[in-house]
Amino acid sequence: MREILDPNQQSSRRGKGAITFFVKPESKASIRAALADGGYGTSYQEGIINLLNELLQKQHRSRLT
C-alpha cells in the first residue's frame, strides 16, 4: 500500500509523532542555556533529543531516530 503524503506536512516530520510539554515562560531561556552549556545543542529539539539519547544509551536502550 502506498503512503499518502500530505503536501502541507514538513518532510522531516513524516512518520514521527509529537510530544509536547509546557514550562513557565520565564524558564525557557534557562532550559535552553542549560542544554547548550551541557553540550546537548542550541535548539530545544536538538538539546532534548541529545539529552534523551544519552539517557537511553546509559540504560542500554535504542537511541531515538
PDB file of N, CA and C in Angstrom:
ATOM      1  N   MET A   1       0.837  -1.177   0.000  1.00  0.00           N
ATOM      2  CA  MET A   1       0.000   0.000   0.000  1.00  0.00           C
ATOM      3  C   MET A   1       0.885   1.244   0.000  1.00  0.00           C
ATOM      4  N   ARG A   2       0.569   2.198  -0.829  1.00  0.00           N
ATOM      5  CA  ARG A   2       1.365   3.419  -0.925  1.00  0.00           C
ATOM      6  C   ARG A   2       0.959   4.404   0.160  1.00  0.00           C
ATOM      7  N   GLU A   3       1.961   5.090   0.684  1.00  0.00           N
ATOM      8  CA  GLU A   3       1.711   6.114   1.692  1.00  0.00           C
ATOM      9  C   GLU A   3       1.179   7.363   1.000  1.00  0.00           C
ATOM     10  N   ILE A   4       0.110   7.922   1.539  1.00  0.00           N
ATOM     11  CA  ILE A   4      -0.442   9.164   1.007  1.00  0.00           C
ATOM     12  C   ILE A   4       0.262  10.314   1.714  1.00  0.00           C
ATOM     13  N   LEU A   5       0.920  11.158   0.942  1.00  0.00           N
ATOM     14  CA  LEU A   5       1.687  12.255   1.511  1.00  0.00           C
ATOM     15  C   LEU A   5       0.858  13.526   1.549  1.00  0.00           C
ATOM     16  N   ASP A   6       0.903  14.191   2.673  1.00  0.00           N
ATOM     17  CA  ASP A   6       0.226  15.469   2.840  1.00  0.00           C
ATOM     18  C   ASP A   6       1.176  16.556   2.350  1.00  0.00           C
ATOM     19  N   PRO A   7       0.813  17.293   1.314  1.00  0.00           N
ATOM     20  CA  PRO A   7       1.725  18.314   0.782  1.00  0.00           C
ATOM     21  C   PRO A   7       1.984  19.457   1.761  1.00  0.00           C
ATOM     22  N   ASN A   8       1.153  19.578   2.798  1.00  0.00           N
ATOM     23  CA  ASN A   8       1.331  20.645   3.782  1.00  0.00           C
ATOM     24  C   ASN A   8       2.175  20.216   4.975  1.00  0.00           C
ATOM     25  N   GLN A   9       2.598  18.964   5.002  1.00  0.00           N
ATOM     26  CA  GLN A   9       3.388  18.461   6.126  1.00  0.00           C
ATOM     27  C   GLN A   9       4.874  18.550   5.795  1.00  0.00           C
ATOM     28  N   GLN A  10       5.659  19.010   6.766  1.00  0.00           N
ATOM     29  CA  GLN A  10       7.103  19.076   6.569  1.00  0.00           C
ATOM     30  C   GLN A  10       7.650  17.665   6.398  1.00  0.00           C
ATOM     31  N   SER A  11       8.535  17.488   5.433  1.00  0.00           N
ATOM     32  CA  SER A  11       9.078  16.158   5.168  1.00  0.00           C
ATOM     33  C   SER A  11       9.828  15.597   6.374  1.00  0.00           C
ATOM     34  N   SER A  12      10.439  16.461   7.183  1.00  0.00           N
ATOM     35  CA  SER A  12      11.183  15.982   8.354  1.00  0.00           C
ATOM     36  C   SER A  12      10.265  15.439   9.441  1.00  0.00           C
ATOM     37  N   ARG A  13       8.960  15.698   9.341  1.00  0.00           N
ATOM     38  CA  ARG A  13       8.010  15.228  10.359  1.00  0.00           C
ATOM     39  C   ARG A  13       7.271  13.966   9.939  1.00  0.00           C
ATOM     40  N   ARG A  14       7.455  13.521   8.728  1.00  0.00           N
ATOM     41  CA  ARG A  14       6.742  12.332   8.256  1.00  0.00           C
ATOM     42  C   ARG A  14       7.168  11.112   9.057  1.00  0.00           C
ATOM     43  N   GLY A  15       6.183  10.357   9.502  1.00  0.00           N
ATOM     44  CA  GLY A  15       6.452   9.135  10.245  1.00  0.00           C
ATOM     45  C   GLY A  15       6.840   9.368  11.695  1.00  0.00           C
ATOM     46  N   LYS A  16       6.631  10.568  12.201  1.00  0.00           N
ATOM     47  CA  LYS A  16       7.010  10.886  13.577  1.00  0.00           C
ATOM     48  C   LYS A  16       5.801  11.421  14.330  1.00  0.00           C
ATOM     49  N   GLY A  17       5.802  11.229  15.625  1.00  0.00           N
ATOM     50  CA  GLY A  17       4.754  11.762  16.488  1.00  0.00           C
ATOM     51  C   GLY A  17       5.311  12.885  17.339  1.00  0.00           C
ATOM     52  N   ALA A  18       4.438  13.724  17.820  1.00  0.00           N
ATOM     53  CA  ALA A  18       4.859  14.865  18.630  1.00  0.00           C
ATOM     54  C   ALA A  18       4.685  14.571  20.114  1.00  0.00           C
ATOM     55  N   ILE A  19       5.599  15.097  20.902  1.00  0.00           N
ATOM     56  CA  ILE A  19       5.476  15.111  22.358  1.00  0.00           C
ATOM     57  C   ILE A  19       5.596  16.579  22.753  1.00  0.00           C
ATOM     58  N   THR A  20       4.623  17.049  23.485  1.00  0.00           N
ATOM     59  CA  THR A  20       4.607  18.451  23.895  1.00  0.00           C
ATOM     60  C   THR A  20       4.636  18.531  25.408  1.00  0.00           C
ATOM     61  N   PHE A  21       5.429  19.440  25.929  1.00  0.00           N
ATOM     62  CA  PHE A  21       5.380  19.701  27.361  1.00  0.00           C
ATOM     63  C   PHE A  21       5.435  21.202  27.566  1.00  0.00           C
ATOM     64  N   PHE A  22       4.866  21.635  28.664  1.00  0.00           N
ATOM     65  CA  PHE A  22       4.732  23.060  28.921  1.00  0.00           C
ATOM     66  C   PHE A  22       5.573  23.460  30.127  1.00  0.00           C
ATOM     67  N   VAL A  23       6.224  24.602  29.999  1.00  0.00           N
ATOM     68  CA  VAL A  23       7.013  25.167  31.091  1.00  0.00           C
ATOM     69  C   VAL A  23       6.623  26.632  31.233  1.00  0.00           C
ATOM     70  N   LYS A  24       6.960  27.195  32.354  1.00  0.00           N
ATOM     71  CA  LYS A  24       6.690  28.614  32.559  1.00  0.00           C
ATOM     72  C   LYS A  24       7.540  29.423  31.582  1.00  0.00           C
ATOM     73  N   PRO A  25       6.977  30.494  31.040  1.00  0.00           N
ATOM     74  CA  PRO A  25       7.726  31.293  30.057  1.00  0.00           C
ATOM     75  C   PRO A  25       9.095  31.745  30.557  1.00  0.00           C
ATOM     76  N   GLU A  26       9.183  32.075  31.830  1.00  0.00           N
ATOM     77  CA  GLU A  26      10.467  32.550  32.358  1.00  0.00           C
ATOM     78  C   GLU A  26      11.501  31.427  32.496  1.00  0.00           C
ATOM     79  N   SER A  27      11.086  30.178  32.340  1.00  0.00           N
ATOM     80  CA  SER A  27      12.011  29.039  32.425  1.00  0.00           C
ATOM     81  C   SER A  27      12.666  28.707  31.092  1.00  0.00           C
ATOM     82  N   LYS A  28      12.072  29.164  30.009  1.00  0.00           N
ATOM     83  CA  LYS A  28      12.538  28.756  28.683  1.00  0.00           C
ATOM     84  C   LYS A  28      14.001  29.116  28.426  1.00  0.00           C
ATOM     85  N   ALA A  29      14.396  30.314  28.764  1.00  0.00           N
ATOM     86  CA  ALA A  29      15.774  30.740  28.495  1.00  0.00           C
ATOM     87  C   ALA A  29      16.777  29.916  29.292  1.00  0.00           C
ATOM     88  N   SER A  30      16.465  29.627  30.553  1.00  0.00           N
ATOM     89  CA  SER A  30      17.409  28.860  31.364  1.00  0.00           C
ATOM     90  C   SER A  30      17.483  27.401  30.907  1.00  0.00           C
ATOM     91  N   ILE A  31      16.381  26.853  30.422  1.00  0.00           N
ATOM     92  CA  ILE A  31      16.397  25.483  29.891  1.00  0.00           C
ATOM     93  C   ILE A  31      17.276  25.423  28.650  1.00  0.00           C
ATOM     94  N   ARG A  32      17.079  26.369  27.761  1.00  0.00           N
ATOM     95  CA  ARG A  32      17.879  26.405  26.532  1.00  0.00           C
ATOM     96  C   ARG A  32      19.364  26.588  26.857  1.00  0.00           C
ATOM     97  N   ALA A  33      19.667  27.467  27.805  1.00  0.00           N
ATOM     98  CA  ALA A  33      21.066  27.694  28.200  1.00  0.00           C
ATOM     99  C   ALA A  33      21.666  26.442  28.828  1.00  0.00           C
ATOM    100  N   ALA A  34      20.893  25.758  29.659  1.00  0.00           N
ATOM    101  CA  ALA A  34      21.395  24.539  30.301  1.00  0.00           C
ATOM    102  C   ALA A  34      21.695  23.460  29.265  1.00  0.00           C
ATOM    103  N   LEU A  35      20.826  23.317  28.276  1.00  0.00           N
ATOM    104  CA  LEU A  35      21.064  22.335  27.215  1.00  0.00           C
ATOM    105  C   LEU A  35      22.314  22.697  26.419  1.00  0.00           C
ATOM    106  N   ALA A  36      22.452  23.966  26.082  1.00  0.00           N
ATOM    107  CA  ALA A  36      23.622  24.410  25.313  1.00  0.00           C
ATOM    108  C   ALA A  36      24.900  24.266  26.136  1.00  0.00           C
ATOM    109  N   ASP A  37      24.867  24.710  27.384  1.00  0.00           N
ATOM    110  CA  ASP A  37      26.053  24.621  28.245  1.00  0.00           C
ATOM    111  C   ASP A  37      26.445  23.171  28.522  1.00  0.00           C
ATOM    112  N   GLY A  38      25.458  22.283  28.520  1.00  0.00           N
ATOM    113  CA  GLY A  38      25.729  20.861  28.735  1.00  0.00           C
ATOM    114  C   GLY A  38      26.227  20.156  27.488  1.00  0.00           C
ATOM    115  N   GLY A  39      26.281  20.885  26.371  1.00  0.00           N
ATOM    116  CA  GLY A  39      26.779  20.310  25.128  1.00  0.00           C
ATOM    117  C   GLY A  39      25.735  19.515  24.361  1.00  0.00           C
ATOM    118  N   TYR A  40      24.462  19.732  24.662  1.00  0.00           N
ATOM    119  CA  TYR A  40      23.398  18.966  24.017  1.00  0.00           C
ATOM    120  C   TYR A  40      22.868  19.619  22.748  1.00  0.00           C
ATOM    121  N   GLY A  41      23.164  20.866  22.531  1.00  0.00           N
ATOM    122  CA  GLY A  41      22.698  21.558  21.330  1.00  0.00           C
ATOM    123  C   GLY A  41      22.121  22.912  21.675  1.00  0.00           C
ATOM    124  N   THR A  42      21.890  23.703  20.652  1.00  0.00           N
ATOM    125  CA  THR A  42      21.442  25.074  20.876  1.00  0.00           C
ATOM    126  C   THR A  42      19.962  25.293  20.588  1.00  0.00           C
ATOM    127  N   SER A  43      19.263  24.271  20.117  1.00  0.00           N
ATOM    128  CA  SER A  43      17.814  24.389  19.950  1.00  0.00           C
ATOM    129  C   SER A  43      17.151  23.440  20.943  1.00  0.00           C
ATOM    130  N   TYR A  44      15.905  23.728  21.274  1.00  0.00           N
ATOM    131  CA  TYR A  44      15.199  22.870  22.226  1.00  0.00           C
ATOM    132  C   TYR A  44      15.111  21.437  21.711  1.00  0.00           C
ATOM    133  N   GLN A  45      14.706  21.275  20.455  1.00  0.00           N
ATOM    134  CA  GLN A  45      14.525  19.926  19.917  1.00  0.00           C
ATOM    135  C   GLN A  45      15.845  19.164  19.898  1.00  0.00           C
ATOM    136  N   GLU A  46      16.884  19.782  19.386  1.00  0.00           N
ATOM    137  CA  GLU A  46      18.194  19.125  19.327  1.00  0.00           C
ATOM    138  C   GLU A  46      18.676  18.781  20.732  1.00  0.00           C
ATOM    139  N   GLY A  47      18.556  19.724  21.646  1.00  0.00           N
ATOM    140  CA  GLY A  47      19.033  19.515  23.008  1.00  0.00           C
ATOM    141  C   GLY A  47      18.301  18.403  23.730  1.00  0.00           C
ATOM    142  N   ILE A  48      16.979  18.404  23.630  1.00  0.00           N
ATOM    143  CA  ILE A  48      16.189  17.371  24.306  1.00  0.00           C
ATOM    144  C   ILE A  48      16.463  16.000  23.697  1.00  0.00           C
ATOM    145  N   ILE A  49      16.530  15.916  22.375  1.00  0.00           N
ATOM    146  CA  ILE A  49      16.811  14.633  21.716  1.00  0.00           C
ATOM    147  C   ILE A  49      18.179  14.113  22.139  1.00  0.00           C
ATOM    148  N   ASN A  50      19.182  14.977  22.145  1.00  0.00           N
ATOM    149  CA  ASN A  50      20.526  14.546  22.546  1.00  0.00           C
ATOM    150  C   ASN A  50      20.571  14.131  24.013  1.00  0.00           C
ATOM    151  N   LEU A  51      19.882  14.866  24.863  1.00  0.00           N
ATOM    152  CA  LEU A  51      19.818  14.517  26.285  1.00  0.00           C
ATOM    153  C   LEU A  51      19.125  13.169  26.478  1.00  0.00           C
ATOM    154  N   LEU A  52      18.011  12.965  25.789  1.00  0.00           N
ATOM    155  CA  LEU A  52      17.301  11.690  25.889  1.00  0.00           C
ATOM    156  C   LEU A  52      18.133  10.540  25.330  1.00  0.00           C
ATOM    157  N   ASN A  53      18.836  10.776  24.230  1.00  0.00           N
ATOM    158  CA  ASN A  53      19.688   9.724  23.673  1.00  0.00           C
ATOM    159  C   ASN A  53      20.792   9.332  24.644  1.00  0.00           C
ATOM    160  N   GLU A  54      21.348  10.302  25.348  1.00  0.00           N
ATOM    161  CA  GLU A  54      22.370   9.988  26.346  1.00  0.00           C
ATOM    162  C   GLU A  54      21.777   9.120  27.461  1.00  0.00           C
ATOM    163  N   LEU A  55      20.599   9.481  27.917  1.00  0.00           N
ATOM    164  CA  LEU A  55      19.920   8.704  28.956  1.00  0.00           C
ATOM    165  C   LEU A  55      19.606   7.293  28.460  1.00  0.00           C
ATOM    166  N   LEU A  56      19.087   7.185  27.248  1.00  0.00           N
ATOM    167  CA  LEU A  56      18.772   5.871  26.681  1.00  0.00           C
ATOM    168  C   LEU A  56      20.026   5.011  26.539  1.00  0.00           C
ATOM    169  N   GLN A  57      21.123   5.614  26.136  1.00  0.00           N
ATOM    170  CA  GLN A  57      22.377   4.880  25.991  1.00  0.00           C
ATOM    171  C   GLN A  57      22.844   4.346  27.346  1.00  0.00           C
ATOM    172  N   LYS A  58      22.742   5.161  28.388  1.00  0.00           N
ATOM    173  CA  LYS A  58      23.134   4.720  29.732  1.00  0.00           C
ATOM    174  C   LYS A  58      22.270   3.563  30.218  1.00  0.00           C
ATOM    175  N   GLN A  59      21.036   3.495  29.725  1.00  0.00           N
ATOM    176  CA  GLN A  59      20.112   2.432  30.111  1.00  0.00           C
ATOM    177  C   GLN A  59      20.146   1.261  29.130  1.00  0.00           C
ATOM    178  N   HIS A  60      21.098   1.303  28.188  1.00  0.00           N
ATOM    179  CA  HIS A  60      21.267   0.249  27.183  1.00  0.00           C
ATOM    180  C   HIS A  60      19.989   0.047  26.363  1.00  0.00           C
ATOM    181  N   ARG A  61      19.384   1.155  25.978  1.00  0.00           N
ATOM    182  CA  ARG A  61      18.178   1.133  25.143  1.00  0.00           C
ATOM    183  C   ARG A  61      18.513   1.717  23.776  1.00  0.00           C
ATOM    184  N   SER A  62      17.627   1.512  22.829  1.00  0.00           N
ATOM    185  CA  SER A  62      17.832   2.030  21.473  1.00  0.00           C
ATOM    186  C   SER A  62      17.723   3.544  21.458  1.00  0.00           C
ATOM    187  N   ARG A  63      18.592   4.163  20.667  1.00  0.00           N
ATOM    188  CA  ARG A  63      18.574   5.614  20.504  1.00  0.00           C
ATOM    189  C   ARG A  63      17.346   6.044  19.724  1.00  0.00           C
ATOM    190  N   LEU A  64      16.974   7.300  19.900  1.00  0.00           N
ATOM    191  CA  LEU A  64      15.898   7.889  19.111  1.00  0.00           C
ATOM    192  C   LEU A  64      16.421   8.152  17.711  1.00  0.00           C
ATOM    193  N   THR A  65      15.552   8.085  16.747  1.00  0.00           N
ATOM    194  CA  THR A  65      15.974   8.348  15.369  1.00  0.00           C
ATOM    195  C   THR A  65      15.313   9.586  14.838  1.00  0.00           C
TER     196      THR A  65
END
